[in-house]
Amino acid sequence: MGRERWAFLAAALSSLGWASMYPAAKVALAEVEPLHIVWVRAAVAGLALALITIVSKRGLRRGWAQLRAEGGTRPWGWLLLGLMNFVGTSLLVLSAQRFLPASVNGLLNNTSPLWLALAAALLGRAVHPSRLLTGSLIALVGVGLVVIGADTAAGSAPWWQAFATADLRGVGLSLAGSVLIAIATIVARRVMPGRDAIAATSLACLWAALVLIPLVFVFAGGFAFLGSVSPGTLLLLLHMGLSSTAFNFSLWFYALSVLPVTRVANLQYLIAPLGVALSVIFLREPLTLTLVVGGTAIVAGIIIAQRGAEPVPARIGQERRLKR
């Protein structure tokens, strides 16, 4: 299997990691605050990936040297990725949740691949801009059907009512979060090529965990929850730090180090249907026709978008020429 195919597989598997966070968080939120989850994800992932780096280098000294080398090469890049992927996007989506139903917030926050597709089309980076944009729109409609279907199955208000009464403050915050995700994807594509994806992800997570500490004290009551949560919730928190953060961000950054942004970004549309599938399997939530149709639309949209996206460079040198 070629390097590009490994990168595609990594991007697809990273979506599974993000998707597993939603059913886990749904249960954990009964005992902890959203900011607690955000901090645990960053801290656990950062420490776990640092340990993996040390083990892979066969010793503390060599592992620490690798982390220092990555940190010294592009310190601003790892700090920026940590701030955007955890602090900024998390605060925006949590703030938007105060004003919006979960389905509306989920849909708007998943528009980042569309912004990237639109930018690629306008800048002439797509092979077939119309296919890229059409596929992105179809996939986004599929995401809408999935999140609306999940809410409908839960017995909430009709979808049109949720959108008609949406608070513009929440809409703005959620869209700002999606734009920040798109910017973070571009930054990762800029700084990741040639870097150690595991060590770099560790540094980004640890920076985010440090910045989040005062926010947890101010807005979430501090860290007393670590000694009071049930064993089941503690396992869910560890899962979200390992499987839903360390696992998927490492794979995601690796994919971005190999493939153009528009080849990778639209695979994030898989997060919504995979999250619903996991909820159906593990939380016994109902599977409706709307969810099936939405999932089908997402897959079809991704296929169309891939056919119109930026070509995969055969060599690093070719990639540089394309950027010029």
Protein backbone atom coordinates (compact mmCIF):
# COMPACT_ATOMS: atom_id res chain seq x y z
CA MET A 1 0.00 0.00 0.00
CA GLY A 2 1.43 3.38 -1.02
CA ARG A 3 2.02 6.28 1.35
CA GLU A 4 -1.00 8.17 -0.01
CA ARG A 5 -3.32 5.21 0.61
CA TRP A 6 -2.05 4.89 4.16
CA ALA A 7 -2.80 8.59 4.61
CA PHE A 8 -6.37 8.16 3.29
CA LEU A 9 -6.87 5.24 5.66
CA ALA A 10 -5.48 7.30 8.55
CA ALA A 11 -7.88 10.17 7.80
CA ALA A 12 -10.86 7.81 7.64
CA LEU A 13 -9.90 6.08 10.90
CA SER A 14 -9.43 9.46 12.59
CA SER A 15 -13.13 10.14 11.92
CA LEU A 16 -13.96 6.97 13.85
CA GLY A 17 -12.00 8.31 16.81
CA TRP A 18 -13.93 11.59 16.81
CA ALA A 19 -17.22 9.78 16.31
CA SER A 20 -16.65 7.59 19.37
CA MET A 21 -16.41 10.73 21.49
CA TYR A 22 -20.09 11.65 21.08
CA PRO A 23 -21.72 8.61 22.71
CA ALA A 24 -19.00 8.55 25.38
CA ALA A 25 -19.41 12.26 26.17
CA LYS A 26 -23.19 11.91 26.28
CA VAL A 27 -22.85 9.49 29.21
CA ALA A 28 -19.93 11.26 30.93
CA LEU A 29 -21.69 14.64 30.97
CA ALA A 30 -24.02 13.29 33.63
CA GLU A 31 -21.12 13.64 36.10
CA VAL A 32 -18.66 16.17 34.68
CA GLU A 33 -18.66 19.56 32.97
CA PRO A 34 -17.88 20.00 29.24
CA LEU A 35 -14.62 21.82 30.06
CA HIS A 36 -13.56 18.87 32.21
CA ILE A 37 -13.85 16.63 29.17
CA VAL A 38 -11.91 19.07 26.99
CA TRP A 39 -9.06 19.27 29.52
CA VAL A 40 -8.91 15.51 30.12
CA ARG A 41 -8.78 14.87 26.38
CA ALA A 42 -5.83 17.22 25.92
CA ALA A 43 -3.92 16.15 29.05
CA VAL A 44 -4.35 12.39 28.63
CA ALA A 45 -3.58 12.52 24.91
CA GLY A 46 -0.50 14.67 25.42
CA LEU A 47 0.96 12.43 28.13
CA ALA A 48 0.08 9.20 26.29
CA LEU A 49 1.68 10.35 23.05
CA ALA A 50 4.76 11.59 24.91
CA LEU A 51 5.08 8.12 26.45
CA ILE A 52 4.70 6.50 23.03
CA THR A 53 7.46 8.78 21.71
CA ILE A 54 9.76 7.75 24.56
CA VAL A 55 9.04 4.04 24.05
CA SER A 56 9.46 4.26 20.28
CA LYS A 57 12.87 5.93 20.75
CA ARG A 58 13.86 3.20 23.22
CA GLY A 59 14.66 5.37 26.16
CA LEU A 60 13.74 8.45 28.15
CA ARG A 61 16.74 10.44 26.98
CA ARG A 62 16.15 9.80 23.28
CA GLY A 63 12.40 10.28 23.59
CA TRP A 64 12.84 13.56 25.46
CA ALA A 65 15.37 14.65 22.82
CA GLN A 66 12.79 13.94 20.10
CA LEU A 67 10.13 15.96 21.89
CA ARG A 68 12.56 18.84 22.43
CA ALA A 69 13.62 18.72 18.79
CA GLU A 70 10.02 18.91 17.58
CA GLY A 71 9.22 21.62 20.11
CA GLY A 72 12.22 23.69 19.09
CA THR A 73 11.59 23.37 15.37
CA ARG A 74 8.16 24.98 15.23
CA PRO A 75 7.07 25.92 18.76
CA TRP A 76 4.56 28.47 17.51
CA GLY A 77 2.98 25.83 15.27
CA TRP A 78 2.30 23.34 18.06
CA LEU A 79 1.06 26.09 20.40
CA LEU A 80 -1.23 27.41 17.67
CA LEU A 81 -2.58 23.95 16.84
CA GLY A 82 -3.24 23.25 20.50
CA LEU A 83 -5.03 26.55 21.05
CA MET A 84 -7.16 26.21 17.93
CA ASN A 85 -8.03 22.51 18.11
CA PHE A 86 -8.89 22.44 21.80
CA VAL A 87 -9.24 25.83 23.44
CA GLY A 88 -10.71 27.93 20.62
CA THR A 89 -13.00 25.43 18.93
CA SER A 90 -14.16 23.91 22.22
CA LEU A 91 -15.06 27.28 23.75
CA LEU A 92 -16.92 28.34 20.61
CA VAL A 93 -18.96 25.16 20.30
CA LEU A 94 -19.74 25.12 24.03
CA SER A 95 -20.77 28.78 23.91
CA ALA A 96 -22.95 28.15 20.86
CA GLN A 97 -24.63 25.27 22.69
CA ARG A 98 -26.06 27.80 25.14
CA PHE A 99 -28.14 29.35 22.37
CA LEU A 100 -28.79 26.49 19.91
CA PRO A 101 -30.30 23.00 19.87
CA ALA A 102 -27.68 20.28 19.62
CA SER A 103 -28.75 19.36 16.06
CA VAL A 104 -28.38 22.91 14.72
CA ASN A 105 -25.06 23.40 16.49
CA GLY A 106 -23.80 20.05 15.19
CA LEU A 107 -24.73 20.88 11.62
CA LEU A 108 -23.23 24.37 11.61
CA ASN A 109 -20.05 23.21 13.32
CA ASN A 110 -19.58 20.58 10.60
CA THR A 111 -19.38 23.13 7.78
CA SER A 112 -15.58 23.46 7.91
CA PRO A 113 -14.97 21.12 4.90
CA LEU A 114 -17.33 23.31 2.86
CA TRP A 115 -15.30 26.45 3.66
CA LEU A 116 -12.11 24.65 2.64
CA ALA A 117 -13.72 23.43 -0.58
CA LEU A 118 -14.93 26.95 -1.38
CA ALA A 119 -11.46 28.40 -0.74
CA ALA A 120 -9.84 25.74 -2.94
CA ALA A 121 -12.31 26.47 -5.74
CA LEU A 122 -11.77 30.22 -5.55
CA LEU A 123 -7.96 29.87 -5.45
CA GLY A 124 -7.86 27.45 -8.37
CA ARG A 125 -6.56 24.54 -6.30
CA ALA A 126 -9.30 22.06 -7.30
CA VAL A 127 -9.26 19.80 -10.37
CA HIS A 128 -13.04 20.23 -10.84
CA PRO A 129 -14.33 22.99 -8.54
CA SER A 130 -17.98 22.23 -9.33
CA ARG A 131 -17.57 18.59 -8.29
CA LEU A 132 -15.71 19.54 -5.13
CA LEU A 133 -18.38 22.04 -4.08
CA THR A 134 -21.30 19.83 -5.13
CA GLY A 135 -19.91 16.86 -3.25
CA SER A 136 -19.28 18.97 -0.15
CA LEU A 137 -22.83 20.34 -0.23
CA ILE A 138 -24.37 16.87 -0.68
CA ALA A 139 -22.32 15.53 2.23
CA LEU A 140 -23.32 18.53 4.37
CA VAL A 141 -27.00 17.89 3.60
CA GLY A 142 -26.38 14.30 4.68
CA VAL A 143 -24.91 15.54 7.96
CA GLY A 144 -28.03 17.65 8.43
CA LEU A 145 -30.26 14.62 7.90
CA VAL A 146 -28.22 12.59 10.36
CA VAL A 147 -28.25 15.13 13.20
CA ILE A 148 -31.90 16.03 12.55
CA GLY A 149 -32.79 12.35 12.41
CA ALA A 150 -31.09 11.76 15.74
CA ASP A 151 -33.06 14.59 17.35
CA THR A 152 -36.33 13.46 15.77
CA ALA A 153 -35.77 9.94 17.06
CA ALA A 154 -35.25 11.41 20.52
CA GLY A 155 -38.65 13.10 20.33
CA SER A 156 -37.54 16.72 20.08
CA ALA A 157 -39.22 19.55 18.15
CA PRO A 158 -39.55 19.38 14.32
CA TRP A 159 -36.35 20.24 12.44
CA TRP A 160 -37.79 23.30 10.75
CA GLN A 161 -38.76 24.78 14.12
CA ALA A 162 -35.21 24.35 15.42
CA PHE A 163 -33.81 26.28 12.46
CA ALA A 164 -36.55 28.91 12.34
CA THR A 165 -36.06 29.82 16.00
CA ALA A 166 -32.26 29.55 16.04
CA ASP A 167 -30.59 32.33 18.03
CA LEU A 168 -28.30 34.36 15.76
CA ARG A 169 -25.73 34.61 18.53
CA GLY A 170 -25.45 30.84 18.60
CA VAL A 171 -25.36 30.65 14.80
CA GLY A 172 -22.47 33.10 14.71
CA LEU A 173 -20.51 31.27 17.42
CA SER A 174 -21.03 27.86 15.81
CA LEU A 175 -20.02 29.09 12.35
CA ALA A 176 -16.98 30.81 13.86
CA GLY A 177 -16.03 27.46 15.36
CA SER A 178 -16.30 25.79 11.95
CA VAL A 179 -14.13 28.50 10.37
CA LEU A 180 -11.54 28.03 13.11
CA ILE A 181 -11.51 24.28 12.43
CA ALA A 182 -10.88 25.03 8.75
CA ILE A 183 -8.02 27.41 9.64
CA ALA A 184 -6.54 24.82 12.03
CA THR A 185 -6.60 22.27 9.20
CA ILE A 186 -4.66 24.64 6.94
CA VAL A 187 -2.13 25.39 9.70
CA ALA A 188 -1.63 21.67 10.33
CA ARG A 189 -1.05 21.10 6.63
CA ARG A 190 1.60 23.83 6.68
CA VAL A 191 3.54 22.69 9.73
CA MET A 192 3.18 18.88 9.70
CA PRO A 193 5.08 17.74 6.56
CA GLY A 194 8.41 16.23 7.59
CA ARG A 195 7.53 16.20 11.30
CA ASP A 196 6.96 13.35 13.74
CA ALA A 197 3.15 13.25 13.90
CA ILE A 198 3.01 11.54 17.32
CA ALA A 199 5.52 13.86 19.02
CA ALA A 200 4.00 16.95 17.40
CA THR A 201 0.47 15.97 18.45
CA SER A 202 1.74 15.40 22.00
CA LEU A 203 3.16 18.92 22.13
CA ALA A 204 -0.03 20.49 20.75
CA CYS A 205 -2.16 18.62 23.32
CA LEU A 206 0.10 19.51 26.25
CA TRP A 207 0.11 23.20 25.31
CA ALA A 208 -3.69 23.12 25.19
CA ALA A 209 -3.92 21.35 28.57
CA LEU A 210 -1.75 24.03 30.19
CA VAL A 211 -3.80 26.87 28.74
CA LEU A 212 -7.06 25.18 29.80
CA ILE A 213 -6.08 24.88 33.50
CA PRO A 214 -7.17 28.41 34.55
CA LEU A 215 -10.35 28.09 32.46
CA VAL A 216 -11.30 24.89 34.27
CA PHE A 217 -10.80 26.62 37.64
CA VAL A 218 -12.84 29.68 36.64
CA PHE A 219 -15.70 28.11 34.67
CA ALA A 220 -15.89 24.45 35.77
CA GLY A 221 -15.12 24.39 39.49
CA GLY A 222 -11.57 23.11 39.29
CA PHE A 223 -10.29 19.53 39.29
CA ALA A 224 -12.06 18.02 42.29
CA PHE A 225 -14.08 15.93 39.83
CA LEU A 226 -11.04 13.67 39.31
CA GLY A 227 -11.53 12.19 42.78
CA SER A 228 -15.32 12.00 42.76
CA VAL A 229 -16.37 10.53 39.39
CA SER A 230 -17.50 6.93 39.18
CA PRO A 231 -15.15 4.28 37.76
CA GLY A 232 -17.32 4.02 34.65
CA THR A 233 -17.08 7.74 33.93
CA LEU A 234 -13.35 7.68 34.61
CA LEU A 235 -12.96 4.95 31.98
CA LEU A 236 -14.99 7.03 29.53
CA LEU A 237 -12.75 10.05 30.17
CA LEU A 238 -9.66 7.94 29.55
CA HIS A 239 -11.26 6.60 26.38
CA MET A 240 -11.92 10.12 25.13
CA GLY A 241 -8.34 11.11 25.87
CA LEU A 242 -6.83 8.08 24.17
CA SER A 243 -9.19 6.88 21.43
CA SER A 244 -10.97 10.19 20.70
CA THR A 245 -7.93 12.47 20.90
CA ALA A 246 -4.49 10.82 20.88
CA PHE A 247 -5.56 8.24 18.31
CA ASN A 248 -7.49 10.44 15.89
CA PHE A 249 -5.38 13.63 16.05
CA SER A 250 -2.18 11.69 15.39
CA LEU A 251 -3.77 9.99 12.38
CA TRP A 252 -5.31 13.27 11.21
CA PHE A 253 -2.02 15.17 11.39
CA TYR A 254 -0.23 12.33 9.62
CA ALA A 255 -2.80 12.43 6.81
CA LEU A 256 -2.36 16.19 6.49
CA SER A 257 1.40 15.75 6.27
CA VAL A 258 0.92 13.66 3.11
CA LEU A 259 -2.29 14.73 1.36
CA PRO A 260 -3.70 18.09 0.21
CA VAL A 261 -6.26 19.68 2.53
CA THR A 262 -9.22 19.19 0.17
CA ARG A 263 -8.45 15.46 -0.09
CA VAL A 264 -8.57 15.04 3.67
CA ALA A 265 -11.09 17.61 4.94
CA ASN A 266 -14.27 16.16 3.44
CA LEU A 267 -13.59 12.83 5.19
CA GLN A 268 -14.61 14.63 8.40
CA TYR A 269 -18.19 14.35 7.17
CA LEU A 270 -17.94 10.69 8.24
CA ILE A 271 -17.89 11.74 11.90
CA ALA A 272 -21.67 12.30 12.11
CA PRO A 273 -22.87 8.94 10.67
CA LEU A 274 -20.18 7.01 12.53
CA GLY A 275 -21.20 8.71 15.78
CA VAL A 276 -24.84 7.78 15.18
CA ALA A 277 -23.87 4.20 14.31
CA LEU A 278 -21.94 3.87 17.56
CA SER A 279 -24.87 5.34 19.50
CA VAL A 280 -27.22 2.82 17.88
CA ILE A 281 -24.88 -0.06 18.76
CA PHE A 282 -23.83 0.89 22.29
CA LEU A 283 -26.60 3.20 23.55
CA ARG A 284 -29.47 1.36 21.84
CA GLU A 285 -30.68 4.51 20.13
CA PRO A 286 -33.17 3.94 17.27
CA LEU A 287 -32.03 3.75 13.66
CA THR A 288 -34.42 5.70 11.42
CA LEU A 289 -34.81 6.01 7.66
CA THR A 290 -33.60 9.62 7.88
CA LEU A 291 -30.33 8.47 9.40
CA VAL A 292 -29.81 5.87 6.66
CA VAL A 293 -30.57 8.37 3.87
CA GLY A 294 -28.31 10.96 5.49
CA GLY A 295 -25.43 8.51 5.83
CA THR A 296 -25.81 7.49 2.18
CA ALA A 297 -25.76 11.14 1.10
CA ILE A 298 -22.58 11.74 3.10
CA VAL A 299 -20.75 8.85 1.44
CA ALA A 300 -21.95 9.89 -2.02
CA GLY A 301 -20.93 13.50 -1.39
CA ILE A 302 -17.46 12.50 -0.24
CA ILE A 303 -16.93 10.39 -3.39
CA ILE A 304 -17.99 13.28 -5.65
CA ALA A 305 -15.84 15.77 -3.71
CA GLN A 306 -12.79 13.50 -3.94
CA ARG A 307 -13.11 13.45 -7.73
CA GLY A 308 -12.96 17.22 -7.85
CA ALA A 309 -10.37 17.86 -5.14
CA GLU A 310 -6.76 18.95 -5.49
CA PRO A 311 -4.57 16.22 -7.05
CA VAL A 312 -2.25 14.22 -4.84
CA PRO A 313 1.37 15.18 -5.65
CA ALA A 314 3.55 12.26 -6.68
CA ARG A 315 6.61 13.71 -4.93
CA ILE A 316 7.43 16.37 -2.38
CA GLY A 317 9.10 18.46 -5.05
CA GLN A 318 6.02 18.28 -7.22
CA GLU A 319 3.91 19.40 -4.28
CA ARG A 320 6.11 22.45 -3.82
CA ARG A 321 5.79 23.36 -7.48
CA LEU A 322 2.01 23.11 -7.23
CA LYS A 323 2.03 25.50 -4.25
CA ARG A 324 3.92 28.05 -6.30
